[in-house]
Amino acid sequence: MGRYNLQNKSIDIEARDINYILGAYIRSYLFLSKNQPPDKIIFPMYPVVPYPLDPNVLIPVEYILATDRYAVDLVKDGSNIPEVTPAEEKALDVLDNKIEEAKAGVVEEPSTAGTNSSNISSARAAMAKLEQANRVPKMPPGGDIGPGTSPDNMGSRDIRLESQIRTDLTDEPDIDESKEIPAEIEKPEE
């Protein structure tokens, strides 16, 4: 889906990319509207997209006609990659579910070949004793704060925080102290 054009430093979007994205929106709409299709889709032509690592950097969006030479070349270039049909997608989902069930169902008993049976029975007895202890975990000093809350009630982080941390942690060039110019500080008159 799409094409990453490193020579032109561009991401080239295909029609099937839009169909995939808008298809997800349509399915959500159908769920909310009880399977009533929308009359139209409003698709604003936004001029820029913010760069995810730095919201101050804006990447321009260039719109071209579907009949443009570049768009035709894009369709021809992606034509050798078949699009997944809904039936194939369902089959892949069923296969994924079977794999997950198989992973969950595979519980292997540890191999006991070459071990002493008395050691095994004593280990099982020790495990049973631990299970019968009815241990209760200690509570924190302030008591249980419950799920979904934070002890300081500060709420969630600012979404720009990770970007700022990444910026702060980038390596900067070393400072050549021999090229520094001493600052002359004027003393206030007394």
Protein backbone atom coordinates (compact mmCIF):
# COMPACT_ATOMS: atom_id res chain seq x y z
CA MET A 1 0.00 0.00 0.00
CA GLY A 2 1.38 3.34 -0.95
CA ARG A 3 4.88 3.93 -2.14
CA TYR A 4 7.83 5.39 -0.25
CA ASN A 5 9.74 7.41 -2.80
CA LEU A 6 13.13 8.11 -1.23
CA GLN A 7 14.48 9.82 -4.35
CA ASN A 8 11.74 12.47 -4.29
CA LYS A 9 11.48 12.34 -0.48
CA SER A 10 7.76 11.67 -0.75
CA ILE A 11 5.08 9.24 0.37
CA ASP A 12 2.89 8.45 -2.63
CA ILE A 13 -0.67 7.49 -1.68
CA GLU A 14 -2.63 5.04 -3.83
CA ALA A 15 -6.40 4.86 -4.24
CA ARG A 16 -6.50 1.62 -2.26
CA ASP A 17 -4.88 3.41 0.70
CA ILE A 18 -7.76 5.87 0.72
CA ASN A 19 -10.27 3.04 0.22
CA TYR A 20 -8.80 1.17 3.18
CA ILE A 21 -8.82 4.20 5.48
CA LEU A 22 -12.26 5.40 4.43
CA GLY A 23 -13.59 1.83 4.59
CA ALA A 24 -12.76 1.75 8.29
CA TYR A 25 -14.59 5.04 8.79
CA ILE A 26 -17.60 3.73 6.86
CA ARG A 27 -17.73 0.54 8.99
CA SER A 28 -17.71 2.68 12.15
CA TYR A 29 -20.45 4.87 10.70
CA LEU A 30 -22.54 1.80 9.82
CA PHE A 31 -22.21 0.54 13.39
CA LEU A 32 -23.35 3.86 14.86
CA SER A 33 -26.14 4.39 12.31
CA LYS A 34 -27.45 0.81 12.56
CA ASN A 35 -26.33 -0.05 9.00
CA GLN A 36 -27.64 3.08 7.28
CA PRO A 37 -25.05 4.15 4.66
CA PRO A 38 -23.88 7.76 4.65
CA ASP A 39 -25.13 10.04 1.88
CA LYS A 40 -21.66 11.47 1.30
CA ILE A 41 -18.14 11.67 2.67
CA ILE A 42 -16.69 15.10 3.36
CA PHE A 43 -12.96 14.97 2.69
CA PRO A 44 -11.28 18.37 3.26
CA MET A 45 -8.15 19.05 1.26
CA TYR A 46 -5.77 19.85 4.10
CA PRO A 47 -2.64 21.66 2.89
CA VAL A 48 -0.19 20.17 5.44
CA VAL A 49 0.29 17.24 7.83
CA PRO A 50 2.19 17.70 11.11
CA TYR A 51 5.41 15.73 11.46
CA PRO A 52 4.87 13.22 14.32
CA LEU A 53 8.26 13.77 15.96
CA ASP A 54 8.05 17.56 15.94
CA PRO A 55 4.62 19.21 15.77
CA ASN A 56 6.25 22.47 14.67
CA VAL A 57 7.37 20.87 11.39
CA LEU A 58 4.61 20.73 8.77
CA ILE A 59 4.83 18.47 5.71
CA PRO A 60 3.00 19.90 2.67
CA VAL A 61 0.40 17.78 0.88
CA GLU A 62 0.42 18.03 -2.93
CA TYR A 63 -2.83 17.18 -4.69
CA ILE A 64 -2.75 15.86 -8.26
CA LEU A 65 -5.47 14.59 -10.57
CA ALA A 66 -5.97 10.83 -10.95
CA THR A 67 -5.24 11.28 -14.68
CA ASP A 68 -1.86 12.94 -14.02
CA ARG A 69 1.15 11.05 -15.41
CA TYR A 70 2.57 10.61 -11.89
CA ALA A 71 -0.71 9.14 -10.57
CA VAL A 72 -0.99 6.73 -13.51
CA ASP A 73 2.62 5.62 -12.90
CA LEU A 74 1.81 5.08 -9.22
CA VAL A 75 -1.16 2.84 -10.07
CA LYS A 76 0.92 0.88 -12.59
CA ASP A 77 3.77 0.48 -10.08
CA GLY A 78 1.44 -0.92 -7.39
CA SER A 79 -0.54 -3.16 -9.73
CA ASN A 80 1.75 -6.15 -9.14
CA ILE A 81 0.78 -6.21 -5.43
CA PRO A 82 -2.66 -7.79 -5.08
CA GLU A 83 -5.18 -6.16 -2.77
CA VAL A 84 -6.57 -8.36 0.01
CA THR A 85 -10.24 -9.13 -0.58
CA PRO A 86 -12.74 -9.20 2.31
CA ALA A 87 -12.99 -13.01 2.00
CA GLU A 88 -9.19 -13.35 2.24
CA GLU A 89 -9.16 -10.99 5.21
CA LYS A 90 -11.77 -13.13 7.04
CA ALA A 91 -9.77 -16.28 6.28
CA LEU A 92 -6.63 -14.64 7.69
CA ASP A 93 -8.56 -13.59 10.83
CA VAL A 94 -9.79 -17.18 11.32
CA LEU A 95 -6.22 -18.44 10.90
CA ASP A 96 -4.95 -15.88 13.44
CA ASN A 97 -7.62 -17.02 15.93
CA LYS A 98 -6.65 -20.68 15.43
CA ILE A 99 -2.99 -19.83 16.03
CA GLU A 100 -3.85 -17.95 19.25
CA GLU A 101 -6.00 -20.86 20.48
CA ALA A 102 -3.20 -23.30 19.70
CA LYS A 103 -0.70 -21.15 21.60
CA ALA A 104 -3.02 -20.95 24.61
CA GLY A 105 -3.71 -24.71 24.49
CA VAL A 106 -0.08 -25.75 24.44
CA VAL A 107 0.91 -26.31 28.06
CA GLU A 108 3.80 -28.67 28.42
CA GLU A 109 4.42 -30.69 31.57
CA PRO A 110 8.10 -30.46 32.59
CA SER A 111 10.14 -33.47 31.59
CA THR A 112 10.74 -35.86 34.49
CA ALA A 113 13.13 -38.19 32.68
CA GLY A 114 16.26 -38.84 34.73
CA THR A 115 14.99 -37.18 37.94
CA ASN A 116 14.42 -38.77 41.29
CA SER A 117 10.72 -39.46 42.03
CA SER A 118 11.17 -38.51 45.69
CA ASN A 119 12.43 -35.06 44.64
CA ILE A 120 9.38 -34.61 42.42
CA SER A 121 6.96 -35.61 45.17
CA SER A 122 8.65 -33.32 47.72
CA ALA A 123 8.53 -30.42 45.25
CA ARG A 124 4.82 -31.03 44.66
CA ALA A 125 4.21 -31.15 48.42
CA ALA A 126 6.04 -27.84 48.86
CA MET A 127 3.96 -26.26 46.07
CA ALA A 128 0.73 -27.53 47.68
CA LYS A 129 1.84 -26.07 51.04
CA LEU A 130 2.44 -22.67 49.42
CA GLU A 131 -0.97 -22.76 47.72
CA GLN A 132 -2.67 -23.51 51.06
CA ALA A 133 -0.99 -20.64 52.88
CA ASN A 134 -3.68 -18.17 51.65
CA ARG A 135 -1.14 -15.41 51.53
CA VAL A 136 -2.48 -11.88 51.25
CA PRO A 137 -0.26 -9.20 49.68
CA LYS A 138 0.69 -6.23 51.83
CA MET A 139 -1.11 -2.98 51.10
CA PRO A 140 0.81 0.21 50.36
CA PRO A 141 1.12 2.67 53.28
CA GLY A 142 -1.66 4.92 51.97
CA GLY A 143 -4.01 2.02 51.21
CA ASP A 144 -5.19 0.68 47.87
CA ILE A 145 -5.54 3.52 45.35
CA GLY A 146 -7.65 1.41 42.99
CA PRO A 147 -7.28 0.83 39.26
CA GLY A 148 -6.98 3.72 36.84
CA THR A 149 -5.92 6.32 39.36
CA SER A 150 -2.57 7.78 40.18
CA PRO A 151 -1.34 8.46 43.70
CA ASP A 152 -0.71 12.14 42.96
CA ASN A 153 -3.97 12.73 40.99
CA MET A 154 -2.01 14.62 38.34
CA GLY A 155 -3.78 13.02 35.38
CA SER A 156 -2.26 11.91 32.11
CA ARG A 157 0.94 13.21 30.56
CA ASP A 158 1.08 15.98 28.02
CA ILE A 159 1.22 14.39 24.55
CA ARG A 160 4.06 16.70 23.55
CA LEU A 161 6.23 15.45 26.43
CA GLU A 162 7.74 12.51 24.53
CA SER A 163 8.66 14.76 21.63
CA GLN A 164 10.33 17.22 24.00
CA ILE A 165 12.22 14.41 25.78
CA ARG A 166 13.43 13.07 22.42
CA THR A 167 14.61 16.57 21.45
CA ASP A 168 16.35 17.06 24.79
CA LEU A 169 18.17 13.73 24.54
CA THR A 170 19.56 14.17 21.02
CA ASP A 171 23.30 14.43 20.82
CA GLU A 172 24.60 17.91 20.25
CA PRO A 173 28.01 18.76 18.82
CA ASP A 174 30.79 19.26 21.34
CA ILE A 175 31.61 22.86 22.16
CA ASP A 176 35.12 23.98 21.25
CA GLU A 177 36.02 26.06 24.30
CA SER A 178 39.08 27.54 22.55
CA LYS A 179 36.75 29.48 20.21
CA GLU A 180 34.64 30.94 23.01
CA ILE A 181 34.69 34.68 23.45
CA PRO A 182 34.65 35.84 27.05
CA ALA A 183 31.67 38.00 27.87
CA GLU A 184 32.34 41.41 29.31
CA ILE A 185 29.90 42.11 32.08
CA GLU A 186 29.34 45.68 32.99
CA LYS A 187 29.22 46.34 36.68
CA PRO A 188 26.41 48.57 37.85
CA GLU A 189 27.48 51.94 39.17
CA GLU A 190 27.19 52.27 42.88
